[in-house]
Structure formats: C-alpha cells, structure tokens
C-alpha cells in the first residue's frame, strides 16, 4: 500500500508520454503573475479588512512569507522533477501512493474551489460595472448566493441577501466551454491580460497614495492578532489565512514544469520572480486602500466581531451607515476609487477586472484538469476521465465535470468563504511538499539538484509551521472541509485507486495513459505558444 514511484520512473514515463515543452522564463513568470494577480487582491482586500482592519498589511506580509518559503521548497522539487502533477507528483516519488493520492485530492479541492472563488469575485466587479457605468440594476436576489453561518457544526443558509449568483454561473460555464472547445491562448494574449491587471493596480496605487490619511490606520488591529475570544479565522493571522489565496497562483508555475524549456533554470525563476513581483504590488495596494477610505470592520447587532459573508455581516452591511465601507464592497478597489472622486477610473478598473479575471478562472480549471490527467495517467482515476475529444483534442469530460462543480459552488457561496475552503487544500499540499523536500534530501542525497533550497533544515520546517498555523486560523467551516473531503477521497482510493494503480500493477516502465486519438496530442498549457509558432521556435 505504501509503494513509492521512483523519480527515474516518473521522469521516464513523462518522457514517453510527454507534454510539449515551449515555455521560457519570461513566459513562465508572466504565467505566474497572471495566475496570482486576480480575485485575491481585487476582491479579498475587503474580507481581509473585515477580519483585521488596517492590520491586514501585516496579513499580506505573513501570507507572502509563508508562500515564499513554500516556493523555495517547490523550486527544488520542480527543478528535479520537471513534470506535470505538482505536489501530487512530488509526494508520489517520496512518501508513497496513499499520501500522494491525498495530496492530489486536496489539489483538486484547491483548484476547483479557487475557480469558484474567482468566478464569484468576477461577479462583484461585473455587477458594479453595469450598475455604476451603465445604470442597469440586476435583480437583487440573483446577485449573490445565501449567507452562510455555523450553528455548532451545522452550516445554516440565510437567503435574505440573495438566492443564487447568476453572473458567477455564466462566467464559469463560459470559461468551461472555451476549454472544451480548445484554447491555444498565446503567450502574447496572456501577456496582454497580465499587463491589463498590472496597469489597473498601478493606476490604483498612483491615485490612492496621495489620498492617504494617517488617521485611517487607527485603530490598527481592531480584532487583534488572533481575533476576539471565541472566534475563529479573525484577526491579523486569520486575515493572513484568507489572503493566502491571493498568492497561491504560483503553484500553476510548477504545474507547468513539464511544458517548460530548461525547467531546471526557468521554473525557479518563474516561481520566485512572480511571487516577489506580486508581493510588492499587494502591499502598495493595501496601503492605498486603507489610507484612502479606511478599513475598519463592521460589527454585529450585539457589537461583536462577525465573519465576512455571514448572515450577521450581511445584516450589518445592509445598514445605510455602513453602505460605503470598504469591507462591505464586492468590488473593493473600484469602490475605493469612486469614494475618492475618481469614478471613471474606478469604472475602468472594474472593466479591467472583468476582462482579466476570466483568464484566472481558465488557469484554475485548466490546473485541475492537469492534476486529473496525471492521476489518471497513474491509474488512480478512470482513464475515461482524461479522454481526449476526437474533434477538439481536449480532455472534455473532466473539463465539463469540473466546470459544473465550479459553477454550482460559485452560485451558492460568497467569495471569502470559497477562498478559505480553497486555502485549506492548498495549505495541506504545501505542507506535504515541505516534508517531501526534506525526506528526499535524506533518501536520495546524490541526485542532481539544479536548484537547492537554501538552509533546507530551517526553511522546510518553517514552511510546515507556517502552513499549519494558517490552517488552524481559518474559520471553522473551512477547517472542517479538508478532513471531510479527505475522507471522501480515501474511500474512493480504497474502492478504486489502490486496485487500478499502474504502479501497483507493475506498469511503471510503459507509457501510462494513451488517451489521445491517433495523430493528436494533449493541448498545450494556456500561455504556451503553439508548436511551430515563431514564439515556440525562438
């Protein structure tokens, strides 16, 4: 049961059934920036402010630091094992099949729920744009799903604020349809989308920094570091656990390792470069938002701290006195610009979010199909899931299943709670990567390491502690999702994967999954130039 797939077998089978290598360091960094900058900074700024107030600046620092040390661990493994599968593949090579399955299962939770969160975040900017720029009023009950709260361990829905988020369903299914039909999104298109997002954030910084008032930073930490007594997921550290979502797109860079030219050099550049660039932007944006209009949380009817997205939070935000608060906005950055008398630029920022965020949804859904593909290649999932469409040459079945799941979650859950749930799967995967890099240093110390994690016996344990600390500062419902999801995954593994595993059946030396029709190939990673194109030849 605890069989381990050797690195040599992984590399050999990936070469026999390989994906096209076409991404260079600049393309990979842009891919990372494109995946990272999205709903996290455009939308979750409001949720972080509700949890931490102005102290969310420290939340960005904490989350960025945990991501940075996790990225160092990722870089070593990705440069050694430049194949698809990310943390799943690394765990398979080091800690055995059952743990690898659990990591892969957690990554499915990460990518699918992250896509739902981005879809819900896009909806907020879409509605803000059509209402403020076009004057069109969307039906109130179709703007958002219900507000959720916990009654002990039982989730309770309040439909007074909304029934279903229709725009989120539309964008999720539209992106799914695009992926089914097939996308050869070029590096040039990806670069344009990244430029739009970076330009929008730069404009926000330029306009808000002069409007900063020092008084808006006080009180700096209204909910303290860990939230008021009796709460979970609040305070500066609780906000860091949520805002962690704003950084995790760098995982898509390691997922693209099998499609990268010279991955030993380019994957670490893409991982660390994109993370560093985004961190600088995030701190400047957060400072501008706080200083311009303030970021104090709203309180429940009894004066207590309330979770963003909860029924008590929705009730507080429905009060006229709180209508202009940053924490109550579904389009935080555009709202800030409108409040400081830049309505046109605010609308343009909303337009930029509307144009650019669907590419993040595409990346997240695509990332999940890649994880499904590799798990099916290993026999742990039915090969039918990764079937390639005879006309579109895409894994249409798994893409459609993923898209429907994403649309349903985006329709009925608020963006902040979706982000927290996604973070639970992400933090587990990062925790396992930190363990894997240390275990591999002991088990296979002589294997070439094009990139070595510095001070590994300090960095990797810090990554583990950081991931665990953030996980236990998530809201209760987000913490509960991971073990429940994991238990479901374990049942599926014991019922199917353990018997069908190619490794268990001794099939490690053959191509592991022949899903293409004759003459076809697996579609390239979004952001990769088409084979034979000028970009690819260069």
Protein backbone atom coordinates (compact mmCIF):
# COMPACT_ATOMS: atom_id res chain seq x y z
CA UNK A 1 0.00 0.00 0.00
CA UNK A 2 2.87 2.40 0.76
CA UNK A 3 4.50 1.84 -2.60
CA UNK A 4 6.66 4.67 -3.87
CA UNK A 5 7.13 5.55 -7.51
CA UNK A 6 10.79 6.27 -8.19
CA UNK A 7 11.86 9.59 -9.63
CA UNK A 8 13.51 7.76 -12.51
CA UNK A 9 10.22 6.05 -13.37
CA UNK A 10 8.34 9.33 -13.19
CA UNK A 11 10.82 11.05 -15.48
CA UNK A 12 10.94 8.12 -17.90
CA UNK A 13 7.18 7.80 -18.28
CA UNK A 14 6.81 11.55 -18.61
CA UNK A 15 9.30 11.50 -21.47
CA UNK A 16 7.41 8.67 -23.19
CA UNK A 17 4.08 10.42 -22.71
CA UNK A 18 5.30 13.96 -22.54
CA UNK A 19 3.75 17.36 -22.96
CA UNK A 20 5.17 19.91 -25.37
CA UNK A 21 8.00 22.00 -23.87
CA UNK A 22 7.62 25.59 -25.02
CA UNK A 23 7.57 27.96 -22.01
CA UNK A 24 10.60 30.18 -21.34
CA UNK A 25 11.44 32.15 -18.15
CA UNK A 26 9.61 35.34 -19.13
CA UNK A 27 6.52 33.44 -20.26
CA UNK A 28 6.59 31.37 -17.07
CA UNK A 29 6.91 34.45 -14.86
CA UNK A 30 4.05 36.13 -16.72
CA UNK A 31 2.02 32.94 -16.37
CA UNK A 32 2.67 33.03 -12.63
CA UNK A 33 1.80 36.72 -12.31
CA UNK A 34 -1.30 36.15 -14.41
CA UNK A 35 -2.41 33.31 -12.15
CA UNK A 36 -1.52 35.10 -8.90
CA UNK A 37 -3.00 38.56 -9.51
CA UNK A 38 -6.73 38.06 -9.51
CA UNK A 39 -9.60 37.82 -7.08
CA UNK A 40 -7.23 37.72 -4.11
CA UNK A 41 -6.19 41.35 -4.40
CA UNK A 42 -9.15 42.71 -6.36
CA UNK A 43 -11.81 41.30 -4.02
CA UNK A 44 -10.43 39.71 -0.86
CA UNK A 45 -8.99 43.01 0.31
CA UNK A 46 -12.47 43.69 1.71
CA UNK A 47 -12.68 40.33 3.50
CA UNK A 48 -9.20 40.83 4.96
CA UNK A 49 -10.19 44.28 6.22
CA UNK A 50 -13.27 42.84 7.95
CA UNK A 51 -11.04 40.35 9.77
CA UNK A 52 -8.04 42.53 10.56
CA UNK A 53 -8.81 46.19 9.82
CA UNK A 54 -5.71 48.17 8.77
CA UNK A 55 -3.65 45.37 10.28
CA UNK A 56 -4.25 43.45 7.05
CA UNK A 57 -0.95 44.97 5.88
CA UNK A 58 0.74 42.53 8.26
CA UNK A 59 -1.59 39.82 6.93
CA UNK A 60 -0.16 40.31 3.44
CA UNK A 61 3.37 40.12 4.85
CA UNK A 62 2.65 36.92 6.80
CA UNK A 63 0.91 35.18 3.90
CA UNK A 64 3.64 36.28 1.48
CA UNK A 65 6.36 35.00 3.82
CA UNK A 66 4.73 31.57 4.11
CA UNK A 67 4.32 31.42 0.34
CA UNK A 68 7.96 32.47 -0.18
CA UNK A 69 9.40 29.66 1.92
CA UNK A 70 6.96 27.18 0.37
CA UNK A 71 8.08 28.43 -3.07
CA UNK A 72 11.70 27.64 -2.20
CA UNK A 73 10.72 24.05 -1.42
CA UNK A 74 8.65 23.89 -4.61
CA UNK A 75 11.57 25.21 -6.64
CA UNK A 76 13.92 22.41 -5.62
CA UNK A 77 11.41 19.67 -6.35
CA UNK A 78 10.13 21.25 -9.57
CA UNK A 79 13.67 21.61 -10.93
CA UNK A 80 14.43 17.98 -10.05
CA UNK A 81 11.12 16.58 -11.30
CA UNK A 82 10.05 18.83 -14.20
CA UNK A 83 6.79 17.01 -14.94
CA UNK A 84 3.11 17.75 -14.54
CA UNK A 85 1.35 16.97 -11.28
CA UNK A 86 2.91 19.49 -8.93
CA UNK A 87 2.75 18.47 -5.24
CA UNK A 88 0.97 15.23 -6.17
CA UNK A 89 3.89 14.00 -8.26
CA UNK A 90 6.46 15.04 -5.66
CA UNK A 91 4.58 13.21 -2.91
CA UNK A 92 4.27 10.08 -5.09
CA UNK A 93 8.03 10.00 -5.51
CA UNK A 94 8.86 10.49 -1.84
CA UNK A 95 6.09 9.48 0.56
CA UNK A 96 4.11 6.81 -1.24
CA UNK A 97 0.93 6.36 -3.17
CA UNK A 98 -1.73 6.88 -0.43
CA UNK A 99 -0.28 10.21 0.65
CA UNK A 100 0.22 11.22 -2.97
CA UNK A 101 -3.44 10.45 -3.60
CA UNK A 102 -4.47 12.60 -0.64
CA UNK A 103 -2.32 15.47 -1.89
CA UNK A 104 -3.75 15.16 -5.41
CA UNK A 105 -7.25 15.04 -3.96
CA UNK A 106 -6.52 18.19 -1.93
CA UNK A 107 -5.19 19.91 -5.07
CA UNK A 108 -8.49 19.16 -6.80
CA UNK A 109 -10.20 20.95 -3.91
CA UNK A 110 -7.73 23.83 -4.25
CA UNK A 111 -8.13 24.39 -7.98
CA UNK A 112 -11.88 23.83 -8.32
CA UNK A 113 -12.90 25.92 -5.33
CA UNK A 114 -10.37 28.60 -6.28
CA UNK A 115 -12.01 28.82 -9.70
CA UNK A 116 -15.36 29.20 -7.94
CA UNK A 117 -13.97 31.98 -5.76
CA UNK A 118 -12.62 33.86 -8.76
CA UNK A 119 -15.97 33.42 -10.54
CA UNK A 120 -17.79 34.91 -7.54
CA UNK A 121 -15.24 37.72 -7.36
CA UNK A 122 -15.67 38.48 -11.06
CA UNK A 123 -19.41 38.69 -10.48
CA UNK A 124 -18.96 41.52 -7.98
CA UNK A 125 -16.96 43.62 -10.43
CA UNK A 126 -19.34 42.81 -13.29
CA UNK A 127 -22.36 43.92 -11.30
CA UNK A 128 -20.58 47.04 -10.06
CA UNK A 129 -19.61 47.99 -13.60
CA UNK A 130 -23.05 47.59 -15.16
CA UNK A 131 -24.75 49.37 -12.25
CA UNK A 132 -22.34 52.30 -11.89
CA UNK A 133 -21.31 52.78 -15.52
CA UNK A 134 -24.46 51.68 -17.34
CA UNK A 135 -27.14 52.28 -14.73
CA UNK A 136 -28.58 48.77 -15.12
CA UNK A 137 -29.95 47.25 -11.92
CA UNK A 138 -29.50 43.49 -11.70
CA UNK A 139 -32.22 41.63 -9.73
CA UNK A 140 -31.13 41.68 -6.09
CA UNK A 141 -31.85 38.02 -5.35
CA UNK A 142 -29.81 36.95 -8.39
CA UNK A 143 -26.69 38.92 -7.39
CA UNK A 144 -25.36 36.54 -4.77
CA UNK A 145 -25.93 33.22 -3.10
CA UNK A 146 -27.10 32.88 0.51
CA UNK A 147 -25.10 34.00 3.51
CA UNK A 148 -23.73 31.03 5.45
CA UNK A 149 -23.05 30.69 9.15
CA UNK A 150 -22.37 27.82 11.52
CA UNK A 151 -24.83 26.55 14.12
CA UNK A 152 -22.38 24.41 16.04
CA UNK A 153 -21.06 22.10 13.33
CA UNK A 154 -24.07 22.54 11.05
CA UNK A 155 -23.97 25.14 8.23
CA UNK A 156 -27.07 27.34 8.02
CA UNK A 157 -28.05 29.37 4.95
CA UNK A 158 -29.75 32.78 5.03
CA UNK A 159 -31.41 33.54 1.69
CA UNK A 160 -32.48 37.09 2.59
CA UNK A 161 -29.37 38.59 0.93
CA UNK A 162 -29.66 36.54 -2.24
CA UNK A 163 -30.60 33.18 -3.70
CA UNK A 164 -28.13 32.48 -6.50
CA UNK A 165 -25.20 34.30 -8.09
CA UNK A 166 -26.19 34.17 -11.76
CA UNK A 167 -23.22 36.14 -13.21
CA UNK A 168 -20.81 33.74 -11.49
CA UNK A 169 -22.56 30.78 -13.14
CA UNK A 170 -22.37 32.46 -16.54
CA UNK A 171 -18.64 33.19 -16.40
CA UNK A 172 -17.75 29.73 -15.00
CA UNK A 173 -19.67 27.91 -17.74
CA UNK A 174 -18.36 30.26 -20.44
CA UNK A 175 -14.76 29.54 -19.47
CA UNK A 176 -15.54 25.82 -19.29
CA UNK A 177 -16.98 25.93 -22.81
CA UNK A 178 -13.84 27.70 -24.02
CA UNK A 179 -11.66 24.97 -22.53
CA UNK A 180 -13.80 22.21 -24.01
CA UNK A 181 -13.65 23.70 -27.49
CA UNK A 182 -9.93 24.23 -27.05
CA UNK A 183 -7.82 27.26 -26.29
CA UNK A 184 -4.40 27.97 -27.71
CA UNK A 185 -4.16 31.16 -25.68
CA UNK A 186 -0.83 32.54 -26.89
CA UNK A 187 1.92 33.99 -24.77
CA UNK A 188 1.10 37.33 -26.37
CA UNK A 189 -2.55 37.23 -25.25
CA UNK A 190 -1.54 36.12 -21.77
CA UNK A 191 0.96 38.97 -21.58
CA UNK A 192 -1.75 41.48 -22.58
CA UNK A 193 -4.06 40.22 -19.81
CA UNK A 194 -1.25 40.44 -17.27
CA UNK A 195 -0.47 43.97 -18.48
CA UNK A 196 -4.13 44.98 -18.02
CA UNK A 197 -4.14 43.77 -14.41
CA UNK A 198 -0.77 45.31 -13.57
CA UNK A 199 -1.76 48.62 -15.20
CA UNK A 200 -5.02 48.69 -13.23
CA UNK A 201 -3.21 48.08 -9.93
CA UNK A 202 -0.54 50.66 -10.80
CA UNK A 203 -3.22 53.27 -11.52
CA UNK A 204 -4.88 52.42 -8.22
CA UNK A 205 -1.62 52.93 -6.33
CA UNK A 206 -0.83 56.23 -8.08
CA UNK A 207 -4.27 57.67 -7.30
CA UNK A 208 -4.68 56.41 -3.73
CA UNK A 209 -1.23 57.09 -2.26
CA UNK A 210 -1.71 60.91 -2.36
CA UNK A 211 -5.14 60.47 -0.72
CA UNK A 212 -3.79 58.58 2.29
CA UNK A 213 -4.80 59.94 5.70
CA UNK A 214 -2.81 58.68 8.67
CA UNK A 215 -5.94 58.64 10.83
CA UNK A 216 -7.39 55.85 8.70
CA UNK A 217 -4.75 53.47 10.09
CA UNK A 218 -6.08 53.77 13.64
CA UNK A 219 -7.06 51.59 15.39
CA UNK A 220 -4.56 49.44 13.52
CA UNK A 221 -5.66 46.00 14.76
CA UNK A 222 -9.28 46.25 15.97
CA UNK A 223 -9.59 42.46 16.19
CA UNK A 224 -6.08 41.84 17.49
CA UNK A 225 -3.71 39.23 16.10
CA UNK A 226 -5.94 36.17 16.56
CA UNK A 227 -9.42 37.68 16.81
CA UNK A 228 -11.67 38.21 19.82
CA UNK A 229 -12.09 35.34 22.26
CA UNK A 230 -14.46 32.67 20.97
CA UNK A 231 -13.98 33.44 17.28
CA UNK A 232 -12.07 31.52 14.62
CA UNK A 233 -10.45 32.89 11.50
CA UNK A 234 -10.42 36.52 12.70
CA UNK A 235 -7.63 39.00 13.49
CA UNK A 236 -4.41 39.66 11.59
CA UNK A 237 -3.39 35.99 11.42
CA UNK A 238 -6.92 34.94 10.45
CA UNK A 239 -6.84 37.50 7.64
CA UNK A 240 -3.45 36.14 6.56
CA UNK A 241 -5.01 32.68 6.30
CA UNK A 242 -7.65 34.13 3.97
CA UNK A 243 -5.40 36.46 1.99
CA UNK A 244 -3.07 33.49 1.39
CA UNK A 245 -5.43 32.87 -1.51
CA UNK A 246 -4.04 35.98 -3.19
CA UNK A 247 -0.63 34.33 -3.59
CA UNK A 248 -1.24 30.71 -4.44
CA UNK A 249 -1.33 31.11 -8.20
CA UNK A 250 2.42 30.46 -8.22
CA UNK A 251 1.52 26.78 -7.89
CA UNK A 252 0.41 26.92 -11.53
CA UNK A 253 4.04 27.60 -12.46
CA UNK A 254 5.23 24.30 -11.02
CA UNK A 255 2.23 22.56 -12.62
CA UNK A 256 3.60 23.80 -15.97
CA UNK A 257 7.05 22.31 -15.37
CA UNK A 258 6.57 19.54 -17.93
CA UNK A 259 5.84 22.16 -20.58
CA UNK A 260 8.84 24.36 -19.78
CA UNK A 261 12.07 24.71 -21.71
CA UNK A 262 15.13 24.27 -19.47
CA UNK A 263 12.94 23.74 -16.39
CA UNK A 264 15.93 23.37 -14.06
CA UNK A 265 16.61 27.07 -14.54
CA UNK A 266 13.28 28.53 -15.60
CA UNK A 267 10.89 27.02 -13.04
CA UNK A 268 12.65 28.58 -10.01
CA UNK A 269 12.82 31.92 -11.86
CA UNK A 270 9.10 31.78 -12.62
CA UNK A 271 8.12 30.74 -9.09
CA UNK A 272 10.14 33.23 -7.08
CA UNK A 273 10.04 36.07 -9.61
CA UNK A 274 6.26 36.11 -9.93
CA UNK A 275 5.81 35.85 -6.16
CA UNK A 276 8.19 38.73 -5.43
CA UNK A 277 6.61 40.99 -8.03
CA UNK A 278 3.11 40.37 -6.73
CA UNK A 279 4.06 40.90 -3.08
CA UNK A 280 5.26 44.44 -3.79
CA UNK A 281 2.02 45.26 -5.57
CA UNK A 282 -0.12 43.81 -2.81
CA UNK A 283 1.48 45.86 -0.03
CA UNK A 284 1.17 49.09 -2.02
CA UNK A 285 -2.44 48.38 -2.96
CA UNK A 286 -3.42 47.50 0.61
CA UNK A 287 -1.76 50.64 1.96
CA UNK A 288 -3.54 52.79 -0.62
CA UNK A 289 -6.96 51.28 0.09
CA UNK A 290 -6.61 51.61 3.87
CA UNK A 291 -5.19 55.12 3.80
CA UNK A 292 -7.70 56.46 1.29
CA UNK A 293 -11.03 55.48 2.88
CA UNK A 294 -10.20 53.39 5.95
CA UNK A 295 -10.64 49.67 6.55
CA UNK A 296 -12.40 49.31 9.88
CA UNK A 297 -14.63 46.22 10.23
CA UNK A 298 -18.38 46.40 10.74
CA UNK A 299 -19.84 44.89 13.91
CA UNK A 300 -22.80 42.62 14.51
CA UNK A 301 -26.03 43.84 16.10
CA UNK A 302 -24.62 42.94 19.54
CA UNK A 303 -21.36 44.78 18.90
CA UNK A 304 -19.34 41.62 18.31
CA UNK A 305 -16.89 40.84 15.50
CA UNK A 306 -18.54 38.99 12.60
CA UNK A 307 -17.15 36.84 9.82
CA UNK A 308 -17.29 38.26 6.27
CA UNK A 309 -20.00 36.51 4.28
CA UNK A 310 -22.02 35.52 7.38
CA UNK A 311 -25.66 36.44 7.90
CA UNK A 312 -24.69 38.88 10.69
CA UNK A 313 -22.17 40.53 8.36
CA UNK A 314 -24.74 40.90 5.59
CA UNK A 315 -27.18 42.46 8.06
CA UNK A 316 -24.54 44.97 9.22
CA UNK A 317 -23.63 45.93 5.65
CA UNK A 318 -27.30 46.48 4.78
CA UNK A 319 -27.39 49.43 7.20
CA UNK A 320 -27.18 52.82 5.48
CA UNK A 321 -24.38 53.91 7.82
CA UNK A 322 -22.16 51.09 6.56
CA UNK A 323 -23.01 51.19 2.86
CA UNK A 324 -19.80 53.00 1.87
CA UNK A 325 -17.44 50.87 3.98
CA UNK A 326 -14.59 49.11 2.22
CA UNK A 327 -15.43 45.85 3.97
CA UNK A 328 -18.96 45.83 2.54
CA UNK A 329 -17.93 46.25 -1.10
CA UNK A 330 -17.96 43.38 -3.60
CA UNK A 331 -15.58 45.35 -5.83
CA UNK A 332 -13.20 46.74 -3.24
CA UNK A 333 -10.62 48.55 -5.37
CA UNK A 334 -13.11 50.13 -7.78
CA UNK A 335 -15.16 51.22 -4.75
CA UNK A 336 -12.14 52.97 -3.21
CA UNK A 337 -11.50 54.98 -6.39
CA UNK A 338 -15.14 56.04 -6.61
CA UNK A 339 -15.07 57.15 -2.96
CA UNK A 340 -12.06 59.43 -3.57
CA UNK A 341 -13.73 61.04 -6.61
CA UNK A 342 -12.19 59.02 -9.41
CA UNK A 343 -15.40 57.32 -10.63
CA UNK A 344 -14.32 56.99 -14.25
CA UNK A 345 -11.03 55.36 -13.30
CA UNK A 346 -12.91 53.19 -10.84
CA UNK A 347 -15.17 52.01 -13.64
CA UNK A 348 -12.13 51.37 -15.84
CA UNK A 349 -10.55 49.32 -13.05
CA UNK A 350 -13.80 47.36 -12.85
CA UNK A 351 -13.61 46.84 -16.60
CA UNK A 352 -10.00 45.63 -16.28
CA UNK A 353 -11.09 43.11 -13.64
CA UNK A 354 -13.93 41.96 -15.89
CA UNK A 355 -11.52 41.41 -18.77
CA UNK A 356 -8.67 39.81 -16.84
CA UNK A 357 -10.24 37.65 -14.12
CA UNK A 358 -11.72 35.08 -16.54
CA UNK A 359 -8.15 34.18 -17.52
CA UNK A 360 -7.52 33.26 -13.86
CA UNK A 361 -10.64 31.09 -13.86
CA UNK A 362 -9.30 29.44 -17.01
CA UNK A 363 -5.95 28.79 -15.34
CA UNK A 364 -7.58 27.26 -12.26
CA UNK A 365 -9.92 24.95 -14.18
CA UNK A 366 -7.06 24.05 -16.50
CA UNK A 367 -4.84 23.31 -13.48
CA UNK A 368 -7.38 20.86 -12.12
CA UNK A 369 -7.68 19.05 -15.45
CA UNK A 370 -3.87 18.70 -15.39
CA UNK A 371 -4.00 17.10 -11.95
CA UNK A 372 -6.80 14.77 -13.12
CA UNK A 373 -4.74 13.95 -16.22
CA UNK A 374 -1.67 12.92 -14.25
CA UNK A 375 -3.66 10.95 -11.67
CA UNK A 376 -5.43 9.11 -14.49
CA UNK A 377 -2.04 8.58 -16.15
CA UNK A 378 -1.05 6.79 -12.95
CA UNK A 379 -4.22 4.68 -12.98
CA UNK A 380 -5.60 6.17 -9.76
CA UNK A 381 -8.61 7.62 -11.59
CA UNK A 382 -10.52 6.09 -14.51
CA UNK A 383 -8.76 6.73 -17.79
CA UNK A 384 -12.11 7.72 -19.27
CA UNK A 385 -11.99 10.94 -17.27
CA UNK A 386 -8.97 12.08 -19.27
CA UNK A 387 -10.38 11.07 -22.66
CA UNK A 388 -9.46 13.46 -25.43
CA UNK A 389 -12.29 14.80 -27.61
CA UNK A 390 -11.87 13.49 -31.18
CA UNK A 391 -12.56 16.92 -32.71
CA UNK A 392 -11.46 19.49 -30.13
CA UNK A 393 -8.48 17.45 -28.84
CA UNK A 394 -9.21 18.47 -25.24
CA UNK A 395 -9.99 16.41 -22.10
CA UNK A 396 -13.66 17.34 -22.44
CA UNK A 397 -15.23 15.01 -19.86
CA UNK A 398 -13.16 16.10 -16.89
CA UNK A 399 -13.36 19.73 -18.03
CA UNK A 400 -17.16 19.67 -18.13
CA UNK A 401 -17.42 17.90 -14.75
CA UNK A 402 -15.06 20.47 -13.25
CA UNK A 403 -16.91 23.39 -14.83
CA UNK A 404 -20.29 22.31 -13.48
CA UNK A 405 -18.85 21.88 -9.98
CA UNK A 406 -17.20 25.32 -10.18
CA UNK A 407 -20.43 26.97 -11.34
CA UNK A 408 -22.52 25.39 -8.55
CA UNK A 409 -20.07 26.43 -5.81
CA UNK A 410 -19.76 29.98 -7.20
CA UNK A 411 -23.55 30.26 -7.38
CA UNK A 412 -24.24 29.49 -3.72
CA UNK A 413 -21.19 30.57 -1.68
CA UNK A 414 -19.60 34.01 -1.08
CA UNK A 415 -16.12 34.65 -2.39
CA UNK A 416 -14.45 34.91 1.03
CA UNK A 417 -15.72 31.54 2.23
CA UNK A 418 -14.76 29.90 -1.06
CA UNK A 419 -11.25 31.30 -0.75
CA UNK A 420 -10.92 29.95 2.79
CA UNK A 421 -12.04 26.47 1.68
CA UNK A 422 -9.59 26.54 -1.22
CA UNK A 423 -6.82 27.59 1.15
CA UNK A 424 -7.38 24.53 3.32
CA UNK A 425 -6.47 22.24 0.41
CA UNK A 426 -3.59 24.44 -0.67
CA UNK A 427 -2.01 24.61 2.78
CA UNK A 428 -2.15 20.82 3.09
CA UNK A 429 -0.41 20.39 -0.26
CA UNK A 430 2.29 22.92 0.65
CA UNK A 431 2.81 21.20 4.00
CA UNK A 432 3.42 17.90 2.23
CA UNK A 433 5.86 19.48 -0.25
CA UNK A 434 7.92 20.82 2.67
CA UNK A 435 8.10 17.30 4.11
CA UNK A 436 8.92 15.78 0.71
CA UNK A 437 11.90 18.03 0.04
CA UNK A 438 13.47 17.07 3.40
CA UNK A 439 12.77 13.35 3.00
CA UNK A 440 14.31 13.38 -0.47
CA UNK A 441 17.47 15.06 0.84
CA UNK A 442 17.90 12.03 3.13
CA UNK A 443 16.72 9.26 0.78
CA UNK A 444 18.46 10.47 -2.37
CA UNK A 445 21.17 12.95 -1.38
CA UNK A 446 23.27 12.43 -4.53
CA UNK A 447 20.58 13.20 -7.10
CA UNK A 448 21.39 16.37 -9.07
CA UNK A 449 19.56 19.40 -7.74
CA UNK A 450 19.70 22.25 -10.26
CA UNK A 451 18.07 24.45 -7.61
CA UNK A 452 18.74 23.73 -3.94
CA UNK A 453 16.54 25.18 -1.24
CA UNK A 454 18.87 27.25 0.96
CA UNK A 455 19.10 26.27 4.64
CA UNK A 456 16.71 23.40 3.96
CA UNK A 457 16.55 22.24 7.59
CA UNK A 458 15.36 25.70 8.59
CA UNK A 459 13.27 26.70 5.57
CA UNK A 460 11.24 23.49 5.18
CA UNK A 461 10.25 23.22 8.89
CA UNK A 462 9.32 26.92 8.81
CA UNK A 463 7.14 26.24 5.78
CA UNK A 464 5.42 23.40 7.65
CA UNK A 465 4.86 25.52 10.76
CA UNK A 466 3.61 28.45 8.65
CA UNK A 467 1.15 26.30 6.70
CA UNK A 468 -0.15 24.61 9.86
CA UNK A 469 -0.51 27.95 11.66
CA UNK A 470 -2.51 29.48 8.81
CA UNK A 471 -4.69 26.38 8.50
CA UNK A 472 -5.65 26.48 12.19
CA UNK A 473 -6.52 30.16 11.85
CA UNK A 474 -9.06 29.54 9.09
CA UNK A 475 -12.75 29.73 10.00
CA UNK A 476 -14.15 26.55 11.48
CA UNK A 477 -16.16 25.59 8.40
CA UNK A 478 -13.08 25.88 6.17
CA UNK A 479 -11.04 23.72 8.54
CA UNK A 480 -13.75 21.07 8.56
CA UNK A 481 -13.98 20.84 4.77
CA UNK A 482 -10.46 19.39 4.39
CA UNK A 483 -10.88 16.29 6.61
CA UNK A 484 -14.37 15.64 5.20
CA UNK A 485 -13.10 15.98 1.62
CA UNK A 486 -10.07 13.86 2.52
CA UNK A 487 -12.26 11.10 3.99
CA UNK A 488 -14.31 11.01 0.78
CA UNK A 489 -11.11 10.80 -1.24
CA UNK A 490 -9.77 7.97 0.88
CA UNK A 491 -12.95 5.96 0.27
CA UNK A 492 -12.53 6.44 -3.50
CA UNK A 493 -8.88 5.44 -3.33
CA UNK A 494 -9.58 2.27 -1.35
CA UNK A 495 -12.51 1.37 -3.63
CA UNK A 496 -10.75 2.06 -6.93
CA UNK A 497 -7.26 3.56 -7.00
CA UNK A 498 -5.46 1.01 -4.85
CA UNK A 499 -6.52 -1.79 -7.24
CA UNK A 500 -6.13 0.07 -10.53
CA UNK A 501 -2.84 1.83 -9.79
CA UNK A 502 -0.35 1.32 -12.61
CA UNK A 503 2.47 1.24 -10.09
CA UNK A 504 0.73 -1.49 -8.11
CA UNK A 505 0.21 -3.47 -11.33
CA UNK A 506 3.87 -3.14 -12.29
CA UNK A 507 3.29 -0.79 -15.24
CA UNK A 508 5.92 1.81 -14.37
CA UNK A 509 8.08 1.26 -17.45
CA UNK A 510 5.46 1.89 -20.11
CA UNK A 511 3.59 4.98 -21.24
CA UNK A 512 0.98 5.31 -18.54
CA UNK A 513 -2.01 6.68 -20.37
CA UNK A 514 -2.77 6.64 -24.08
CA UNK A 515 -5.80 8.89 -24.12
CA UNK A 516 -5.27 10.65 -27.43
CA UNK A 517 -6.75 9.61 -30.71
CA UNK A 518 -4.11 8.78 -33.36
CA UNK A 519 -2.33 11.87 -34.54
CA UNK A 520 -3.48 14.08 -31.68
CA UNK A 521 -1.73 15.47 -28.65
CA UNK A 522 -2.52 16.88 -25.27
CA UNK A 523 -3.42 20.58 -25.58
CA UNK A 524 -0.69 23.00 -24.51
CA UNK A 525 -0.71 24.93 -21.28
CA UNK A 526 -2.52 28.28 -21.57
CA UNK A 527 0.24 30.81 -22.13
CA UNK A 528 2.31 28.41 -24.20
CA UNK A 529 2.87 29.28 -27.86
CA UNK A 530 1.56 26.80 -30.38
CA UNK A 531 4.04 24.20 -31.66
CA UNK A 532 5.92 25.55 -34.64
CA UNK A 533 4.92 29.17 -33.97
CA UNK A 534 7.57 31.93 -34.05
CA UNK A 535 7.40 32.20 -30.26
CA UNK A 536 7.95 28.46 -29.86
CA UNK A 537 10.84 28.37 -32.35
CA UNK A 538 12.57 31.23 -30.58
